[in-house]
Amino acid sequence: MKIELISTFLEVSQTLHFRIAAENLYVTQAAISSRIKQLEQELGVLLFDRSQKRLKLTPEGHRMVKHANEMMIMWQKLKQDVGVGSGLSNQLYVGSMMSIWDIVLQDWLQKIHRNLDDVSLYTRTFSAIELRKQVVSRLIDIAFLFEPPYVDDIECEKVSSVPLQLVSTFAGAHSSALENMIMVDYGESVNSQFMRDFADTTIVRHNMSQPRIAMNFILEAGGCAYLPKQMCFEALRKNKLHLVQDAPSYSRDIYAIYLVNSHKKALIQDALQLFPYLRS
């Protein structure tokens, strides 16, 4: 099975559009269609449902996404091990939940780039459950998530405590009379606190998995949401967002996990020393 078929499948699975996938991969739409058909023929299943106007993954296609991601990671590791890659002496495979990338990891990657000049970074996004599996199977070296796993073979380290503050596009908003509330999923501990504080006074209009999406949404449509302090600093400074002064404040801990017996443990610990936020 050619690796180009796998990479093409992943691009189409993300865009759900042959034309956009073709543009992103700099090939023709006919080439994209041909590769997907070839992959489906080799596997003996349909990966995409083409019966509707919008392309959809079949159940087999959804299962294929996981394996395709793992194959691409292994392919990158193979290239590095045999010297086809950039020639850097160390590779660090980092996985995280999408929302954590937005909250804290962008700055951390920049610090690694500036301070560990012999390190080549590879980043991936997974669910919390999948992140633990990826670490245990050694497909990624270090993962970031909200809820720490309690597994003997996994080292867990708190790397950040992120303040969450209620902000609104309406100046002078009060927590007892909020409009267009967006609930962001920060994990069970924050979600349960939020419901205790607001269940009797506020109707949640929308639920969103990522704070960046919620912030962009309320800036466009108006409303309020709990957002990381670092993320909404600029919008607050420019008075595009306003603090809801009487609202309760929350915080969300972020943890790094990696294998206790990882052969890259020294590199992982060096990288964590560069983490830009509170570690305690």
C-alpha atoms as a PDB file:
ATOM      1  CA  MET A   1       0.000   0.000   0.000  1.00  0.00           C
ATOM      2  CA  LYS A   2       1.547   3.314  -1.096  1.00  0.00           C
ATOM      3  CA  ILE A   3       1.990   5.999   1.538  1.00  0.00           C
ATOM      4  CA  GLU A   4       0.565   8.595  -0.870  1.00  0.00           C
ATOM      5  CA  LEU A   5      -2.757   6.742  -0.755  1.00  0.00           C
ATOM      6  CA  ILE A   6      -2.813   7.002   3.034  1.00  0.00           C
ATOM      7  CA  SER A   7      -1.910  10.709   3.078  1.00  0.00           C
ATOM      8  CA  THR A   8      -4.535  11.403   0.416  1.00  0.00           C
ATOM      9  CA  PHE A   9      -7.170   9.536   2.415  1.00  0.00           C
ATOM     10  CA  LEU A  10      -6.377  11.566   5.542  1.00  0.00           C
ATOM     11  CA  GLU A  11      -6.602  14.849   3.634  1.00  0.00           C
ATOM     12  CA  VAL A  12      -9.979  13.925   2.147  1.00  0.00           C
ATOM     13  CA  SER A  13     -11.229  12.687   5.542  1.00  0.00           C
ATOM     14  CA  GLN A  14     -10.425  16.097   7.033  1.00  0.00           C
ATOM     15  CA  THR A  15     -11.761  18.279   4.201  1.00  0.00           C
ATOM     16  CA  LEU A  16     -14.582  15.967   3.059  1.00  0.00           C
ATOM     17  CA  HIS A  17     -14.106  17.490  -0.367  1.00  0.00           C
ATOM     18  CA  PHE A  18     -12.100  16.133  -3.309  1.00  0.00           C
ATOM     19  CA  ARG A  19     -11.461  19.567  -4.840  1.00  0.00           C
ATOM     20  CA  ILE A  20     -10.186  21.144  -1.614  1.00  0.00           C
ATOM     21  CA  ALA A  21      -8.029  18.080  -0.899  1.00  0.00           C
ATOM     22  CA  ALA A  22      -6.573  18.363  -4.406  1.00  0.00           C
ATOM     23  CA  GLU A  23      -5.721  22.026  -3.837  1.00  0.00           C
ATOM     24  CA  ASN A  24      -4.097  21.270  -0.484  1.00  0.00           C
ATOM     25  CA  LEU A  25      -1.999  18.444  -1.939  1.00  0.00           C
ATOM     26  CA  TYR A  26      -1.187  20.300  -5.194  1.00  0.00           C
ATOM     27  CA  VAL A  27      -2.549  17.556  -7.441  1.00  0.00           C
ATOM     28  CA  THR A  28      -5.567  17.291  -9.723  1.00  0.00           C
ATOM     29  CA  GLN A  29      -9.016  16.348  -8.493  1.00  0.00           C
ATOM     30  CA  ALA A  30      -8.881  13.344 -10.824  1.00  0.00           C
ATOM     31  CA  ALA A  31      -5.706  12.160  -9.076  1.00  0.00           C
ATOM     32  CA  ILE A  32      -7.417  12.417  -5.678  1.00  0.00           C
ATOM     33  CA  SER A  33     -10.411  10.425  -6.922  1.00  0.00           C
ATOM     34  CA  SER A  34      -8.143   7.793  -8.472  1.00  0.00           C
ATOM     35  CA  ARG A  35      -6.106   7.353  -5.281  1.00  0.00           C
ATOM     36  CA  ILE A  36      -9.201   6.968  -3.099  1.00  0.00           C
ATOM     37  CA  LYS A  37     -10.674   4.399  -5.495  1.00  0.00           C
ATOM     38  CA  GLN A  38      -7.384   2.479  -5.526  1.00  0.00           C
ATOM     39  CA  LEU A  39      -7.249   2.440  -1.718  1.00  0.00           C
ATOM     40  CA  GLU A  40     -10.855   1.273  -1.507  1.00  0.00           C
ATOM     41  CA  GLN A  41     -10.148  -1.501  -4.011  1.00  0.00           C
ATOM     42  CA  GLU A  42      -7.108  -2.684  -2.041  1.00  0.00           C
ATOM     43  CA  LEU A  43      -9.100  -2.741   1.203  1.00  0.00           C
ATOM     44  CA  GLY A  44     -12.269  -4.098  -0.360  1.00  0.00           C
ATOM     45  CA  VAL A  45     -14.508  -1.521   1.335  1.00  0.00           C
ATOM     46  CA  LEU A  46     -15.977   1.905   0.633  1.00  0.00           C
ATOM     47  CA  LEU A  47     -14.315   4.580   2.755  1.00  0.00           C
ATOM     48  CA  PHE A  48     -16.580   7.464   1.703  1.00  0.00           C
ATOM     49  CA  ASP A  49     -20.306   7.729   1.143  1.00  0.00           C
ATOM     50  CA  ARG A  50     -20.770   9.596  -2.135  1.00  0.00           C
ATOM     51  CA  SER A  51     -24.569   9.243  -2.322  1.00  0.00           C
ATOM     52  CA  GLN A  52     -25.300  12.677  -0.827  1.00  0.00           C
ATOM     53  CA  LYS A  53     -24.239  16.146  -1.916  1.00  0.00           C
ATOM     54  CA  ARG A  54     -21.686  16.290   0.896  1.00  0.00           C
ATOM     55  CA  LEU A  55     -19.045  13.578   1.146  1.00  0.00           C
ATOM     56  CA  LYS A  56     -19.206  11.503   4.354  1.00  0.00           C
ATOM     57  CA  LEU A  57     -16.987   8.870   5.925  1.00  0.00           C
ATOM     58  CA  THR A  58     -18.479   5.385   6.065  1.00  0.00           C
ATOM     59  CA  PRO A  59     -18.134   3.382   9.312  1.00  0.00           C
ATOM     60  CA  GLU A  60     -15.143   1.659   7.680  1.00  0.00           C
ATOM     61  CA  GLY A  61     -13.723   5.077   6.806  1.00  0.00           C
ATOM     62  CA  HIS A  62     -14.001   6.248  10.411  1.00  0.00           C
ATOM     63  CA  ARG A  63     -12.068   3.170  11.561  1.00  0.00           C
ATOM     64  CA  MET A  64      -9.492   3.769   8.843  1.00  0.00           C
ATOM     65  CA  VAL A  65      -8.685   7.272  10.133  1.00  0.00           C
ATOM     66  CA  LYS A  66      -7.082   5.899  13.295  1.00  0.00           C
ATOM     67  CA  HIS A  67      -4.930   3.373  11.439  1.00  0.00           C
ATOM     68  CA  ALA A  68      -3.979   5.884   8.753  1.00  0.00           C
ATOM     69  CA  ASN A  69      -2.741   8.360  11.370  1.00  0.00           C
ATOM     70  CA  GLU A  70      -0.647   5.657  13.008  1.00  0.00           C
ATOM     71  CA  MET A  71       0.801   4.623   9.647  1.00  0.00           C
ATOM     72  CA  MET A  72       1.809   8.208   8.846  1.00  0.00           C
ATOM     73  CA  ILE A  73       3.531   8.566  12.211  1.00  0.00           C
ATOM     74  CA  MET A  74       5.403   5.310  11.705  1.00  0.00           C
ATOM     75  CA  TRP A  75       6.381   6.414   8.203  1.00  0.00           C
ATOM     76  CA  GLN A  76       7.829   9.661   9.570  1.00  0.00           C
ATOM     77  CA  LYS A  77       9.750   7.718  12.214  1.00  0.00           C
ATOM     78  CA  LEU A  78      11.040   5.322   9.581  1.00  0.00           C
ATOM     79  CA  LYS A  79      12.316   8.176   7.423  1.00  0.00           C
ATOM     80  CA  GLN A  80      14.096   9.693  10.394  1.00  0.00           C
ATOM     81  CA  ASP A  81      15.640   6.395  11.497  1.00  0.00           C
ATOM     82  CA  VAL A  82      17.127   5.677   8.066  1.00  0.00           C
ATOM     83  CA  GLY A  83      18.371   9.205   7.563  1.00  0.00           C
ATOM     84  CA  VAL A  84      15.940  10.434   4.933  1.00  0.00           C
ATOM     85  CA  GLY A  85      14.641  13.255   7.108  1.00  0.00           C
ATOM     86  CA  SER A  86      16.056  16.629   8.027  1.00  0.00           C
ATOM     87  CA  GLY A  87      19.252  15.280   9.559  1.00  0.00           C
ATOM     88  CA  LEU A  88      18.477  16.560  13.041  1.00  0.00           C
ATOM     89  CA  SER A  89      19.695  14.252  15.769  1.00  0.00           C
ATOM     90  CA  ASN A  90      16.521  14.118  17.889  1.00  0.00           C
ATOM     91  CA  GLN A  91      12.862  13.755  17.011  1.00  0.00           C
ATOM     92  CA  LEU A  92      10.066  14.577  19.440  1.00  0.00           C
ATOM     93  CA  TYR A  93       6.573  13.333  18.646  1.00  0.00           C
ATOM     94  CA  VAL A  94       3.984  15.445  20.465  1.00  0.00           C
ATOM     95  CA  GLY A  95       0.260  14.728  20.744  1.00  0.00           C
ATOM     96  CA  SER A  96      -2.469  16.813  22.295  1.00  0.00           C
ATOM     97  CA  MET A  97      -6.169  17.525  22.446  1.00  0.00           C
ATOM     98  CA  MET A  98      -7.057  20.283  19.988  1.00  0.00           C
ATOM     99  CA  SER A  99      -8.150  22.790  22.629  1.00  0.00           C
ATOM    100  CA  ILE A 100      -4.813  22.505  24.476  1.00  0.00           C
ATOM    101  CA  TRP A 101      -2.901  23.410  21.320  1.00  0.00           C
ATOM    102  CA  ASP A 102      -4.805  26.694  21.260  1.00  0.00           C
ATOM    103  CA  ILE A 103      -4.420  27.406  24.963  1.00  0.00           C
ATOM    104  CA  VAL A 104      -0.715  26.872  25.710  1.00  0.00           C
ATOM    105  CA  LEU A 105       1.246  24.683  23.319  1.00  0.00           C
ATOM    106  CA  GLN A 106       1.937  27.145  20.507  1.00  0.00           C
ATOM    107  CA  ASP A 107       4.337  29.171  22.688  1.00  0.00           C
ATOM    108  CA  TRP A 108       5.978  25.991  23.984  1.00  0.00           C
ATOM    109  CA  LEU A 109       6.752  24.772  20.457  1.00  0.00           C
ATOM    110  CA  GLN A 110       8.362  28.116  19.659  1.00  0.00           C
ATOM    111  CA  LYS A 111      10.592  27.820  22.729  1.00  0.00           C
ATOM    112  CA  ILE A 112      11.689  24.332  21.709  1.00  0.00           C
ATOM    113  CA  HIS A 113      12.489  25.612  18.232  1.00  0.00           C
ATOM    114  CA  ARG A 114      14.607  28.466  19.612  1.00  0.00           C
ATOM    115  CA  ASN A 115      16.379  26.612  22.430  1.00  0.00           C
ATOM    116  CA  LEU A 116      16.731  22.973  21.319  1.00  0.00           C
ATOM    117  CA  ASP A 117      18.185  23.430  17.869  1.00  0.00           C
ATOM    118  CA  ASP A 118      18.929  19.722  17.369  1.00  0.00           C
ATOM    119  CA  VAL A 119      15.275  18.700  17.817  1.00  0.00           C
ATOM    120  CA  SER A 120      12.805  18.012  15.031  1.00  0.00           C
ATOM    121  CA  LEU A 121       9.137  18.313  16.067  1.00  0.00           C
ATOM    122  CA  TYR A 122       6.206  16.207  14.878  1.00  0.00           C
ATOM    123  CA  THR A 123       2.755  17.139  16.160  1.00  0.00           C
ATOM    124  CA  ARG A 124      -0.566  15.303  16.125  1.00  0.00           C
ATOM    125  CA  THR A 125      -4.075  15.877  17.501  1.00  0.00           C
ATOM    126  CA  PHE A 126      -6.059  13.090  19.206  1.00  0.00           C
ATOM    127  CA  SER A 127      -8.836  12.554  21.724  1.00  0.00           C
ATOM    128  CA  ALA A 128      -7.844  12.011  25.368  1.00  0.00           C
ATOM    129  CA  ILE A 129      -8.423   8.247  25.152  1.00  0.00           C
ATOM    130  CA  GLU A 130      -6.457   7.950  21.935  1.00  0.00           C
ATOM    131  CA  LEU A 131      -3.578  10.007  23.364  1.00  0.00           C
ATOM    132  CA  ARG A 132      -3.046   7.487  26.150  1.00  0.00           C
ATOM    133  CA  LYS A 133      -3.033   4.631  23.652  1.00  0.00           C
ATOM    134  CA  GLN A 134      -0.556   6.457  21.413  1.00  0.00           C
ATOM    135  CA  VAL A 135       1.854   7.015  24.316  1.00  0.00           C
ATOM    136  CA  VAL A 136       1.660   3.406  25.525  1.00  0.00           C
ATOM    137  CA  SER A 137       2.236   2.099  21.985  1.00  0.00           C
ATOM    138  CA  ARG A 138       5.218   4.489  21.589  1.00  0.00           C
ATOM    139  CA  LEU A 139       3.719   6.193  18.539  1.00  0.00           C
ATOM    140  CA  ILE A 140       4.074   9.559  20.283  1.00  0.00           C
ATOM    141  CA  ASP A 141       6.650  10.531  22.898  1.00  0.00           C
ATOM    142  CA  ILE A 142       4.678  13.019  24.966  1.00  0.00           C
ATOM    143  CA  ALA A 143       0.982  13.931  25.181  1.00  0.00           C
ATOM    144  CA  PHE A 144      -0.992  16.739  26.778  1.00  0.00           C
ATOM    145  CA  LEU A 145      -4.470  16.353  28.260  1.00  0.00           C
ATOM    146  CA  PHE A 146      -6.775  17.690  30.955  1.00  0.00           C
ATOM    147  CA  GLU A 147      -7.412  14.591  33.038  1.00  0.00           C
ATOM    148  CA  PRO A 148      -4.299  12.678  34.207  1.00  0.00           C
ATOM    149  CA  PRO A 149      -4.402   8.906  33.682  1.00  0.00           C
ATOM    150  CA  TYR A 150      -3.486   6.612  36.545  1.00  0.00           C
ATOM    151  CA  VAL A 151      -1.346   4.012  34.787  1.00  0.00           C
ATOM    152  CA  ASP A 152       1.793   2.496  36.282  1.00  0.00           C
ATOM    153  CA  ASP A 153       3.862   2.761  33.104  1.00  0.00           C
ATOM    154  CA  ILE A 154       3.001   6.419  32.445  1.00  0.00           C
ATOM    155  CA  GLU A 155       4.704   9.415  34.050  1.00  0.00           C
ATOM    156  CA  CYS A 156       2.286  12.298  34.628  1.00  0.00           C
ATOM    157  CA  GLU A 157       3.370  15.888  35.257  1.00  0.00           C
ATOM    158  CA  LYS A 158       1.275  19.008  35.725  1.00  0.00           C
ATOM    159  CA  VAL A 159       2.662  21.654  33.389  1.00  0.00           C
ATOM    160  CA  SER A 160       0.130  24.458  33.530  1.00  0.00           C
ATOM    161  CA  SER A 161      -2.805  25.865  35.444  1.00  0.00           C
ATOM    162  CA  VAL A 162      -4.811  27.960  33.006  1.00  0.00           C
ATOM    163  CA  PRO A 163      -7.119  30.693  34.394  1.00  0.00           C
ATOM    164  CA  LEU A 164     -10.563  30.720  32.761  1.00  0.00           C
ATOM    165  CA  GLN A 165     -12.590  33.914  32.855  1.00  0.00           C
ATOM    166  CA  LEU A 166     -16.102  34.733  31.739  1.00  0.00           C
ATOM    167  CA  VAL A 167     -16.045  37.330  28.981  1.00  0.00           C
ATOM    168  CA  SER A 168     -18.825  38.950  26.999  1.00  0.00           C
ATOM    169  CA  THR A 169     -19.130  41.112  23.923  1.00  0.00           C
ATOM    170  CA  PHE A 170     -21.578  43.252  25.929  1.00  0.00           C
ATOM    171  CA  ALA A 171     -19.982  45.808  28.268  1.00  0.00           C
ATOM    172  CA  GLY A 172     -21.411  45.765  31.787  1.00  0.00           C
ATOM    173  CA  ALA A 173     -22.860  42.251  31.523  1.00  0.00           C
ATOM    174  CA  HIS A 174     -23.792  40.543  34.827  1.00  0.00           C
ATOM    175  CA  SER A 175     -23.643  36.822  35.576  1.00  0.00           C
ATOM    176  CA  SER A 176     -27.333  36.796  36.522  1.00  0.00           C
ATOM    177  CA  ALA A 177     -28.452  38.073  33.100  1.00  0.00           C
ATOM    178  CA  LEU A 178     -26.270  36.653  30.337  1.00  0.00           C
ATOM    179  CA  GLU A 179     -27.160  36.522  26.670  1.00  0.00           C
ATOM    180  CA  ASN A 180     -26.081  33.918  24.138  1.00  0.00           C
ATOM    181  CA  MET A 181     -24.008  31.812  26.559  1.00  0.00           C
ATOM    182  CA  ILE A 182     -21.545  29.443  24.890  1.00  0.00           C
ATOM    183  CA  MET A 183     -20.422  26.498  27.025  1.00  0.00           C
ATOM    184  CA  VAL A 184     -16.900  25.333  26.207  1.00  0.00           C
ATOM    185  CA  ASP A 185     -15.878  21.770  27.073  1.00  0.00           C
ATOM    186  CA  TYR A 186     -12.905  21.985  29.449  1.00  0.00           C
ATOM    187  CA  GLY A 187     -13.390  18.529  30.935  1.00  0.00           C
ATOM    188  CA  GLU A 188     -15.581  17.085  33.646  1.00  0.00           C
ATOM    189  CA  SER A 189     -14.261  19.056  36.628  1.00  0.00           C
ATOM    190  CA  VAL A 190     -14.850  22.490  35.059  1.00  0.00           C
ATOM    191  CA  ASN A 191     -18.077  21.428  33.347  1.00  0.00           C
ATOM    192  CA  SER A 192     -19.621  20.291  36.630  1.00  0.00           C
ATOM    193  CA  GLN A 193     -18.636  23.547  38.382  1.00  0.00           C
ATOM    194  CA  PHE A 194     -20.153  25.535  35.527  1.00  0.00           C
ATOM    195  CA  MET A 195     -23.444  23.647  35.730  1.00  0.00           C
ATOM    196  CA  ARG A 196     -23.667  24.148  39.497  1.00  0.00           C
ATOM    197  CA  ASP A 197     -23.087  27.891  39.129  1.00  0.00           C
ATOM    198  CA  PHE A 198     -25.265  28.626  36.111  1.00  0.00           C
ATOM    199  CA  ALA A 199     -27.888  25.883  35.716  1.00  0.00           C
ATOM    200  CA  ASP A 200     -30.598  27.901  37.512  1.00  0.00           C
ATOM    201  CA  THR A 201     -29.875  31.316  35.992  1.00  0.00           C
ATOM    202  CA  THR A 202     -28.542  30.902  32.475  1.00  0.00           C
ATOM    203  CA  ILE A 203     -29.640  29.056  29.353  1.00  0.00           C
ATOM    204  CA  VAL A 204     -26.721  27.666  27.378  1.00  0.00           C
ATOM    205  CA  ARG A 205     -27.298  28.538  23.736  1.00  0.00           C
ATOM    206  CA  HIS A 206     -24.462  26.524  22.179  1.00  0.00           C
ATOM    207  CA  ASN A 207     -21.878  23.932  23.264  1.00  0.00           C
ATOM    208  CA  MET A 208     -18.416  24.003  21.674  1.00  0.00           C
ATOM    209  CA  SER A 209     -15.398  21.765  22.101  1.00  0.00           C
ATOM    210  CA  GLN A 210     -12.677  24.364  21.513  1.00  0.00           C
ATOM    211  CA  PRO A 211     -12.192  27.783  23.127  1.00  0.00           C
ATOM    212  CA  ARG A 212     -10.819  29.300  19.905  1.00  0.00           C
ATOM    213  CA  ILE A 213     -14.036  28.419  18.076  1.00  0.00           C
ATOM    214  CA  ALA A 214     -16.126  29.862  20.915  1.00  0.00           C
ATOM    215  CA  MET A 215     -14.144  33.111  20.979  1.00  0.00           C
ATOM    216  CA  ASN A 216     -14.379  33.601  17.216  1.00  0.00           C
ATOM    217  CA  PHE A 217     -18.088  32.820  17.368  1.00  0.00           C
ATOM    218  CA  ILE A 218     -19.003  35.365  20.030  1.00  0.00           C
ATOM    219  CA  LEU A 219     -16.807  38.045  18.438  1.00  0.00           C
ATOM    220  CA  GLU A 220     -18.892  37.612  15.297  1.00  0.00           C
ATOM    221  CA  ALA A 221     -22.363  36.873  16.699  1.00  0.00           C
ATOM    222  CA  GLY A 222     -22.194  38.414  20.181  1.00  0.00           C
ATOM    223  CA  GLY A 223     -22.446  36.543  23.444  1.00  0.00           C
ATOM    224  CA  CYS A 224     -20.341  35.234  26.312  1.00  0.00           C
ATOM    225  CA  ALA A 225     -18.109  32.278  27.163  1.00  0.00           C
ATOM    226  CA  TYR A 226     -15.426  31.150  29.572  1.00  0.00           C
ATOM    227  CA  LEU A 227     -12.093  31.578  27.796  1.00  0.00           C
ATOM    228  CA  PRO A 228      -8.430  31.130  28.787  1.00  0.00           C
ATOM    229  CA  LYS A 229      -6.928  34.360  30.056  1.00  0.00           C
ATOM    230  CA  GLN A 230      -4.005  34.132  27.616  1.00  0.00           C
ATOM    231  CA  MET A 231      -6.291  33.645  24.617  1.00  0.00           C
ATOM    232  CA  CYS A 232      -8.597  36.625  25.106  1.00  0.00           C
ATOM    233  CA  PHE A 233      -6.026  39.141  26.409  1.00  0.00           C
ATOM    234  CA  GLU A 234      -5.784  41.059  23.122  1.00  0.00           C
ATOM    235  CA  ALA A 235      -9.552  41.189  22.579  1.00  0.00           C
ATOM    236  CA  LEU A 236     -10.025  42.519  26.126  1.00  0.00           C
ATOM    237  CA  ARG A 237      -7.346  45.164  25.615  1.00  0.00           C
ATOM    238  CA  LYS A 238      -9.082  46.377  22.449  1.00  0.00           C
ATOM    239  CA  ASN A 239     -12.514  46.320  24.156  1.00  0.00           C
ATOM    240  CA  LYS A 240     -13.842  43.717  21.766  1.00  0.00           C
ATOM    241  CA  LEU A 241     -14.530  41.570  24.838  1.00  0.00           C
ATOM    242  CA  HIS A 242     -15.339  42.582  28.411  1.00  0.00           C
ATOM    243  CA  LEU A 243     -14.912  40.777  31.719  1.00  0.00           C
ATOM    244  CA  VAL A 244     -18.094  39.784  33.528  1.00  0.00           C
ATOM    245  CA  GLN A 245     -16.973  41.169  36.874  1.00  0.00           C
ATOM    246  CA  ASP A 246     -19.260  39.259  39.253  1.00  0.00           C
ATOM    247  CA  ALA A 247     -18.815  35.840  37.600  1.00  0.00           C
ATOM    248  CA  PRO A 248     -17.024  32.945  39.332  1.00  0.00           C
ATOM    249  CA  SER A 249     -13.575  32.143  37.971  1.00  0.00           C
ATOM    250  CA  TYR A 250     -12.263  28.676  37.173  1.00  0.00           C
ATOM    251  CA  SER A 251      -8.925  27.155  36.236  1.00  0.00           C
ATOM    252  CA  ARG A 252      -8.016  24.170  34.127  1.00  0.00           C
ATOM    253  CA  ASP A 253      -4.938  22.066  34.852  1.00  0.00           C
ATOM    254  CA  ILE A 254      -3.000  20.636  31.938  1.00  0.00           C
ATOM    255  CA  TYR A 255      -0.842  17.527  32.267  1.00  0.00           C
ATOM    256  CA  ALA A 256       1.993  16.079  30.228  1.00  0.00           C
ATOM    257  CA  ILE A 257       2.257  12.297  30.056  1.00  0.00           C
ATOM    258  CA  TYR A 258       5.042  10.069  28.755  1.00  0.00           C
ATOM    259  CA  LEU A 259       6.350   6.564  29.307  1.00  0.00           C
ATOM    260  CA  VAL A 260       8.352   6.021  32.487  1.00  0.00           C
ATOM    261  CA  ASN A 261      10.906   3.933  30.581  1.00  0.00           C
ATOM    262  CA  SER A 262      10.985   6.095  27.435  1.00  0.00           C
ATOM    263  CA  HIS A 263      14.431   6.175  25.839  1.00  0.00           C
ATOM    264  CA  LYS A 264      13.763   9.888  25.170  1.00  0.00           C
ATOM    265  CA  LYS A 265      13.060  10.721  28.812  1.00  0.00           C
ATOM    266  CA  ALA A 266      15.961  13.174  29.105  1.00  0.00           C
ATOM    267  CA  LEU A 267      14.862  14.999  25.948  1.00  0.00           C
ATOM    268  CA  ILE A 268      11.237  15.103  27.148  1.00  0.00           C
ATOM    269  CA  GLN A 269      12.269  16.569  30.510  1.00  0.00           C
ATOM    270  CA  ASP A 270      14.471  19.166  28.798  1.00  0.00           C
ATOM    271  CA  ALA A 271      11.521  20.162  26.638  1.00  0.00           C
ATOM    272  CA  LEU A 272       9.175  20.445  29.621  1.00  0.00           C
ATOM    273  CA  GLN A 273      11.638  22.780  31.348  1.00  0.00           C
ATOM    274  CA  LEU A 274      10.818  25.250  28.575  1.00  0.00           C
ATOM    275  CA  PHE A 275       7.115  25.223  29.312  1.00  0.00           C
ATOM    276  CA  PRO A 276       6.059  28.888  29.460  1.00  0.00           C
ATOM    277  CA  TYR A 277       3.427  28.738  32.184  1.00  0.00           C
ATOM    278  CA  LEU A 278       3.138  27.856  35.851  1.00  0.00           C
ATOM    279  CA  ARG A 279       4.418  24.408  36.776  1.00  0.00           C
ATOM    280  CA  SER A 280       3.622  23.283  40.313  1.00  0.00           C
END
